[in-house]
């Protein structure tokens, strides 16, 4: 069975440790834990994780957040992976810091990366893992907030929260979306 896990973010050192790049950070950690290296491919960096008889492709789009759909659409078709075996990991301002929410489908919730994926796939019917980055910003400062690094307090336990996200992503690939939602939506 094949799966595609897409971590959303923006390429380049400028964005590396920003809240908007939490999808990239989660996949980097998962790759490091499994001693995998990302390779440059069309529209993104990718690697392959073999786990419990499954082929799990990890993808970090290089199309920038607002054009993530181009990469997702290409890789999903290229690898012939059904939308039900695709999951997108991204930041979410509506959730408290570190809280995870896994859904089978849904709206973009104003997230431009998810909005572009929906436009490219012509569907909102694909799983997503939302990682809470909270909404601790002044009105009109949303862009600056998501494009700024995690605060010192948040960095202290970022790894713990990323490991929870990794557990949820691996559960998705092994036990399915329903059980994963039951076990990991707190």
C-alpha atoms as a PDB file:
ATOM      1  CA  UNK A   1       0.000   0.000   0.000  1.00  0.00           C
ATOM      2  CA  UNK A   2       1.218   3.493  -0.874  1.00  0.00           C
ATOM      3  CA  UNK A   3       0.709   6.720   1.078  1.00  0.00           C
ATOM      4  CA  UNK A   4       1.679  10.341   0.548  1.00  0.00           C
ATOM      5  CA  UNK A   5       2.343  12.614   3.512  1.00  0.00           C
ATOM      6  CA  UNK A   6       2.705  16.250   2.508  1.00  0.00           C
ATOM      7  CA  UNK A   7       4.179  18.737   4.958  1.00  0.00           C
ATOM      8  CA  UNK A   8       3.324  22.318   4.068  1.00  0.00           C
ATOM      9  CA  UNK A   9       5.797  25.155   4.340  1.00  0.00           C
ATOM     10  CA  UNK A  10       7.910  27.598   2.386  1.00  0.00           C
ATOM     11  CA  UNK A  11      11.349  26.655   1.020  1.00  0.00           C
ATOM     12  CA  UNK A  12      14.498  28.477   2.083  1.00  0.00           C
ATOM     13  CA  UNK A  13      16.378  29.355   5.252  1.00  0.00           C
ATOM     14  CA  UNK A  14      14.315  32.516   5.764  1.00  0.00           C
ATOM     15  CA  UNK A  15      11.251  30.432   6.649  1.00  0.00           C
ATOM     16  CA  UNK A  16      12.956  27.422   8.207  1.00  0.00           C
ATOM     17  CA  UNK A  17      11.776  27.674  11.835  1.00  0.00           C
ATOM     18  CA  UNK A  18       8.592  29.669  11.288  1.00  0.00           C
ATOM     19  CA  UNK A  19       5.154  28.610  12.442  1.00  0.00           C
ATOM     20  CA  UNK A  20       3.977  28.325   8.821  1.00  0.00           C
ATOM     21  CA  UNK A  21       6.695  25.697   8.224  1.00  0.00           C
ATOM     22  CA  UNK A  22       5.598  23.261  10.900  1.00  0.00           C
ATOM     23  CA  UNK A  23       4.636  20.745   8.175  1.00  0.00           C
ATOM     24  CA  UNK A  24       8.225  20.793   6.874  1.00  0.00           C
ATOM     25  CA  UNK A  25       9.591  20.519  10.419  1.00  0.00           C
ATOM     26  CA  UNK A  26       7.454  17.458  11.184  1.00  0.00           C
ATOM     27  CA  UNK A  27       8.605  15.669   8.015  1.00  0.00           C
ATOM     28  CA  UNK A  28      12.232  16.609   8.636  1.00  0.00           C
ATOM     29  CA  UNK A  29      12.009  15.062  12.096  1.00  0.00           C
ATOM     30  CA  UNK A  30      10.301  11.924  10.765  1.00  0.00           C
ATOM     31  CA  UNK A  31      13.004  11.553   8.097  1.00  0.00           C
ATOM     32  CA  UNK A  32      15.784  12.098  10.666  1.00  0.00           C
ATOM     33  CA  UNK A  33      14.292   9.483  12.995  1.00  0.00           C
ATOM     34  CA  UNK A  34      14.391   6.987  10.121  1.00  0.00           C
ATOM     35  CA  UNK A  35      17.798   8.091   8.758  1.00  0.00           C
ATOM     36  CA  UNK A  36      16.271   9.199   5.455  1.00  0.00           C
ATOM     37  CA  UNK A  37      17.492  11.989   3.180  1.00  0.00           C
ATOM     38  CA  UNK A  38      15.236  14.140   1.038  1.00  0.00           C
ATOM     39  CA  UNK A  39      15.941  14.313  -2.692  1.00  0.00           C
ATOM     40  CA  UNK A  40      15.065  17.162  -5.042  1.00  0.00           C
ATOM     41  CA  UNK A  41      12.194  16.148  -7.297  1.00  0.00           C
ATOM     42  CA  UNK A  42       9.667  17.943  -9.437  1.00  0.00           C
ATOM     43  CA  UNK A  43       7.933  20.620  -7.338  1.00  0.00           C
ATOM     44  CA  UNK A  44       9.432  19.402  -4.090  1.00  0.00           C
ATOM     45  CA  UNK A  45      11.799  17.453  -1.891  1.00  0.00           C
ATOM     46  CA  UNK A  46      10.760  13.862  -1.301  1.00  0.00           C
ATOM     47  CA  UNK A  47      11.869  10.662   0.346  1.00  0.00           C
ATOM     48  CA  UNK A  48      10.434   7.174   0.777  1.00  0.00           C
ATOM     49  CA  UNK A  49       9.801   5.550   4.152  1.00  0.00           C
ATOM     50  CA  UNK A  50       9.126   1.811   4.301  1.00  0.00           C
ATOM     51  CA  UNK A  51       7.025   1.022   7.359  1.00  0.00           C
ATOM     52  CA  UNK A  52       5.025  -2.115   8.238  1.00  0.00           C
ATOM     53  CA  UNK A  53       4.708  -3.209   4.619  1.00  0.00           C
ATOM     54  CA  UNK A  54       3.738   0.252   3.413  1.00  0.00           C
ATOM     55  CA  UNK A  55       5.492   2.663   1.094  1.00  0.00           C
ATOM     56  CA  UNK A  56       5.107   6.119   2.594  1.00  0.00           C
ATOM     57  CA  UNK A  57       6.250   9.034   0.457  1.00  0.00           C
ATOM     58  CA  UNK A  58       7.132  12.220   2.327  1.00  0.00           C
ATOM     59  CA  UNK A  59       6.868  15.440   0.326  1.00  0.00           C
ATOM     60  CA  UNK A  60       7.923  19.020   1.102  1.00  0.00           C
ATOM     61  CA  UNK A  61       6.677  21.195  -1.789  1.00  0.00           C
ATOM     62  CA  UNK A  62       9.060  23.823  -3.157  1.00  0.00           C
ATOM     63  CA  UNK A  63       6.229  25.754  -4.796  1.00  0.00           C
ATOM     64  CA  UNK A  64       5.756  28.019  -1.751  1.00  0.00           C
ATOM     65  CA  UNK A  65       2.738  27.698   0.507  1.00  0.00           C
ATOM     66  CA  UNK A  66       0.190  29.452  -1.690  1.00  0.00           C
ATOM     67  CA  UNK A  67       0.917  27.145  -4.634  1.00  0.00           C
ATOM     68  CA  UNK A  68       1.193  23.855  -2.713  1.00  0.00           C
ATOM     69  CA  UNK A  69      -1.582  22.316  -4.788  1.00  0.00           C
ATOM     70  CA  UNK A  70       0.642  22.141  -7.858  1.00  0.00           C
ATOM     71  CA  UNK A  71       3.077  19.830  -6.050  1.00  0.00           C
ATOM     72  CA  UNK A  72       0.384  17.784  -4.302  1.00  0.00           C
ATOM     73  CA  UNK A  73      -1.559  17.251  -7.524  1.00  0.00           C
ATOM     74  CA  UNK A  74       1.577  16.231  -9.443  1.00  0.00           C
ATOM     75  CA  UNK A  75       2.858  13.737  -6.834  1.00  0.00           C
ATOM     76  CA  UNK A  76      -0.557  12.257  -6.067  1.00  0.00           C
ATOM     77  CA  UNK A  77      -1.075  11.494  -9.772  1.00  0.00           C
ATOM     78  CA  UNK A  78       2.547  10.494 -10.450  1.00  0.00           C
ATOM     79  CA  UNK A  79       2.519   7.949  -7.606  1.00  0.00           C
ATOM     80  CA  UNK A  80      -1.098   6.876  -8.303  1.00  0.00           C
ATOM     81  CA  UNK A  81      -2.074   7.401  -4.675  1.00  0.00           C
ATOM     82  CA  UNK A  82      -5.798   7.690  -3.903  1.00  0.00           C
ATOM     83  CA  UNK A  83      -6.879  10.856  -2.081  1.00  0.00           C
ATOM     84  CA  UNK A  84      -7.850   8.686   0.887  1.00  0.00           C
ATOM     85  CA  UNK A  85      -4.139   7.733   1.257  1.00  0.00           C
ATOM     86  CA  UNK A  86      -2.945  11.341   1.072  1.00  0.00           C
ATOM     87  CA  UNK A  87      -2.599  13.428   4.230  1.00  0.00           C
ATOM     88  CA  UNK A  88      -1.470  17.038   4.500  1.00  0.00           C
ATOM     89  CA  UNK A  89       0.258  18.324   7.660  1.00  0.00           C
ATOM     90  CA  UNK A  90      -0.073  22.060   8.202  1.00  0.00           C
ATOM     91  CA  UNK A  91      -0.228  24.861  10.750  1.00  0.00           C
ATOM     92  CA  UNK A  92      -3.537  26.079  12.176  1.00  0.00           C
ATOM     93  CA  UNK A  93      -4.124  29.433  13.854  1.00  0.00           C
ATOM     94  CA  UNK A  94      -7.494  28.378  15.265  1.00  0.00           C
ATOM     95  CA  UNK A  95      -5.986  25.682  17.488  1.00  0.00           C
ATOM     96  CA  UNK A  96      -4.031  26.230  20.704  1.00  0.00           C
ATOM     97  CA  UNK A  97      -0.294  25.719  20.369  1.00  0.00           C
ATOM     98  CA  UNK A  98       0.628  22.042  19.974  1.00  0.00           C
ATOM     99  CA  UNK A  99      -2.944  20.750  19.722  1.00  0.00           C
ATOM    100  CA  UNK A 100      -3.548  18.350  16.829  1.00  0.00           C
ATOM    101  CA  UNK A 101      -6.699  17.914  14.804  1.00  0.00           C
ATOM    102  CA  UNK A 102      -7.040  15.194  12.179  1.00  0.00           C
ATOM    103  CA  UNK A 103      -9.915  15.265   9.700  1.00  0.00           C
ATOM    104  CA  UNK A 104     -10.973  13.133   6.718  1.00  0.00           C
ATOM    105  CA  UNK A 105     -11.985  16.201   4.751  1.00  0.00           C
ATOM    106  CA  UNK A 106     -12.942  19.796   5.296  1.00  0.00           C
ATOM    107  CA  UNK A 107     -12.585  23.377   4.269  1.00  0.00           C
ATOM    108  CA  UNK A 108      -9.379  25.339   3.991  1.00  0.00           C
ATOM    109  CA  UNK A 109     -10.368  27.412   7.024  1.00  0.00           C
ATOM    110  CA  UNK A 110      -8.748  30.407   5.331  1.00  0.00           C
ATOM    111  CA  UNK A 111      -5.388  28.623   4.959  1.00  0.00           C
ATOM    112  CA  UNK A 112      -4.004  29.552   1.534  1.00  0.00           C
ATOM    113  CA  UNK A 113      -1.971  26.360   1.159  1.00  0.00           C
ATOM    114  CA  UNK A 114      -5.022  24.170   1.768  1.00  0.00           C
ATOM    115  CA  UNK A 115      -7.131  26.411  -0.452  1.00  0.00           C
ATOM    116  CA  UNK A 116      -4.696  25.906  -3.340  1.00  0.00           C
ATOM    117  CA  UNK A 117      -4.631  22.138  -2.772  1.00  0.00           C
ATOM    118  CA  UNK A 118      -8.444  22.048  -2.907  1.00  0.00           C
ATOM    119  CA  UNK A 119      -8.388  24.010  -6.166  1.00  0.00           C
ATOM    120  CA  UNK A 120      -5.760  21.691  -7.679  1.00  0.00           C
ATOM    121  CA  UNK A 121      -7.428  18.455  -6.567  1.00  0.00           C
ATOM    122  CA  UNK A 122     -10.948  19.796  -7.277  1.00  0.00           C
ATOM    123  CA  UNK A 123     -11.891  18.430  -3.885  1.00  0.00           C
ATOM    124  CA  UNK A 124     -11.952  19.027  -0.148  1.00  0.00           C
ATOM    125  CA  UNK A 125     -12.072  15.265   0.365  1.00  0.00           C
ATOM    126  CA  UNK A 126      -8.546  14.501   1.494  1.00  0.00           C
ATOM    127  CA  UNK A 127      -7.243  13.948   5.044  1.00  0.00           C
ATOM    128  CA  UNK A 128      -5.334  16.648   6.872  1.00  0.00           C
ATOM    129  CA  UNK A 129      -3.475  16.977  10.147  1.00  0.00           C
ATOM    130  CA  UNK A 130      -3.641  20.469  11.600  1.00  0.00           C
ATOM    131  CA  UNK A 131      -0.984  21.498  14.108  1.00  0.00           C
ATOM    132  CA  UNK A 132      -2.036  24.339  16.405  1.00  0.00           C
ATOM    133  CA  UNK A 133       0.213  27.391  16.391  1.00  0.00           C
ATOM    134  CA  UNK A 134      -2.334  29.535  18.337  1.00  0.00           C
ATOM    135  CA  UNK A 135      -3.481  33.011  17.374  1.00  0.00           C
ATOM    136  CA  UNK A 136      -1.410  35.201  19.652  1.00  0.00           C
ATOM    137  CA  UNK A 137      -1.200  38.233  17.368  1.00  0.00           C
ATOM    138  CA  UNK A 138      -2.753  41.668  16.953  1.00  0.00           C
ATOM    139  CA  UNK A 139      -5.476  42.216  14.373  1.00  0.00           C
ATOM    140  CA  UNK A 140      -3.930  42.555  10.914  1.00  0.00           C
ATOM    141  CA  UNK A 141      -0.678  40.831  11.979  1.00  0.00           C
ATOM    142  CA  UNK A 142      -1.577  37.270  10.929  1.00  0.00           C
ATOM    143  CA  UNK A 143       0.971  37.059   8.091  1.00  0.00           C
ATOM    144  CA  UNK A 144       3.800  38.396  10.260  1.00  0.00           C
ATOM    145  CA  UNK A 145       2.842  35.955  13.014  1.00  0.00           C
ATOM    146  CA  UNK A 146       2.847  32.778  10.889  1.00  0.00           C
ATOM    147  CA  UNK A 147       6.036  33.838   9.098  1.00  0.00           C
ATOM    148  CA  UNK A 148       7.876  34.472  12.368  1.00  0.00           C
ATOM    149  CA  UNK A 149       9.769  31.836  14.378  1.00  0.00           C
ATOM    150  CA  UNK A 150       8.193  29.973  17.260  1.00  0.00           C
ATOM    151  CA  UNK A 151       8.596  31.805  20.567  1.00  0.00           C
ATOM    152  CA  UNK A 152      11.149  30.636  23.167  1.00  0.00           C
ATOM    153  CA  UNK A 153       8.458  29.035  25.339  1.00  0.00           C
ATOM    154  CA  UNK A 154       6.977  27.197  22.355  1.00  0.00           C
ATOM    155  CA  UNK A 155      10.383  25.954  21.205  1.00  0.00           C
ATOM    156  CA  UNK A 156      10.891  24.219  24.582  1.00  0.00           C
ATOM    157  CA  UNK A 157       8.286  21.571  23.801  1.00  0.00           C
ATOM    158  CA  UNK A 158       8.027  21.798  20.005  1.00  0.00           C
ATOM    159  CA  UNK A 159       9.752  18.422  19.603  1.00  0.00           C
ATOM    160  CA  UNK A 160       7.226  16.744  21.918  1.00  0.00           C
ATOM    161  CA  UNK A 161       4.330  18.123  19.863  1.00  0.00           C
ATOM    162  CA  UNK A 162       6.025  17.194  16.581  1.00  0.00           C
ATOM    163  CA  UNK A 163       6.506  13.636  17.867  1.00  0.00           C
ATOM    164  CA  UNK A 164       2.762  13.472  18.630  1.00  0.00           C
ATOM    165  CA  UNK A 165       2.078  14.624  15.067  1.00  0.00           C
ATOM    166  CA  UNK A 166       4.438  11.940  13.726  1.00  0.00           C
ATOM    167  CA  UNK A 167       2.632   9.285  15.776  1.00  0.00           C
ATOM    168  CA  UNK A 168      -0.667  10.438  14.295  1.00  0.00           C
ATOM    169  CA  UNK A 169       0.694  10.421  10.735  1.00  0.00           C
ATOM    170  CA  UNK A 170       2.100   6.928  11.132  1.00  0.00           C
ATOM    171  CA  UNK A 171      -1.163   5.759  12.678  1.00  0.00           C
ATOM    172  CA  UNK A 172      -3.009   7.146   9.649  1.00  0.00           C
ATOM    173  CA  UNK A 173      -0.826   4.991   7.401  1.00  0.00           C
ATOM    174  CA  UNK A 174      -1.223   1.835   9.482  1.00  0.00           C
ATOM    175  CA  UNK A 175      -4.639   1.836  11.192  1.00  0.00           C
ATOM    176  CA  UNK A 176      -6.614   4.247   9.007  1.00  0.00           C
ATOM    177  CA  UNK A 177      -8.198   7.639   9.433  1.00  0.00           C
ATOM    178  CA  UNK A 178     -11.115   6.660  11.710  1.00  0.00           C
ATOM    179  CA  UNK A 179      -9.019   5.069  14.450  1.00  0.00           C
ATOM    180  CA  UNK A 180      -6.373   7.762  14.080  1.00  0.00           C
ATOM    181  CA  UNK A 181      -8.970  10.461  14.689  1.00  0.00           C
ATOM    182  CA  UNK A 182     -10.284   8.576  17.718  1.00  0.00           C
ATOM    183  CA  UNK A 183      -6.817   8.150  19.219  1.00  0.00           C
ATOM    184  CA  UNK A 184      -5.205  11.479  18.345  1.00  0.00           C
ATOM    185  CA  UNK A 185      -7.908  14.149  18.331  1.00  0.00           C
ATOM    186  CA  UNK A 186      -7.774  15.302  21.929  1.00  0.00           C
END
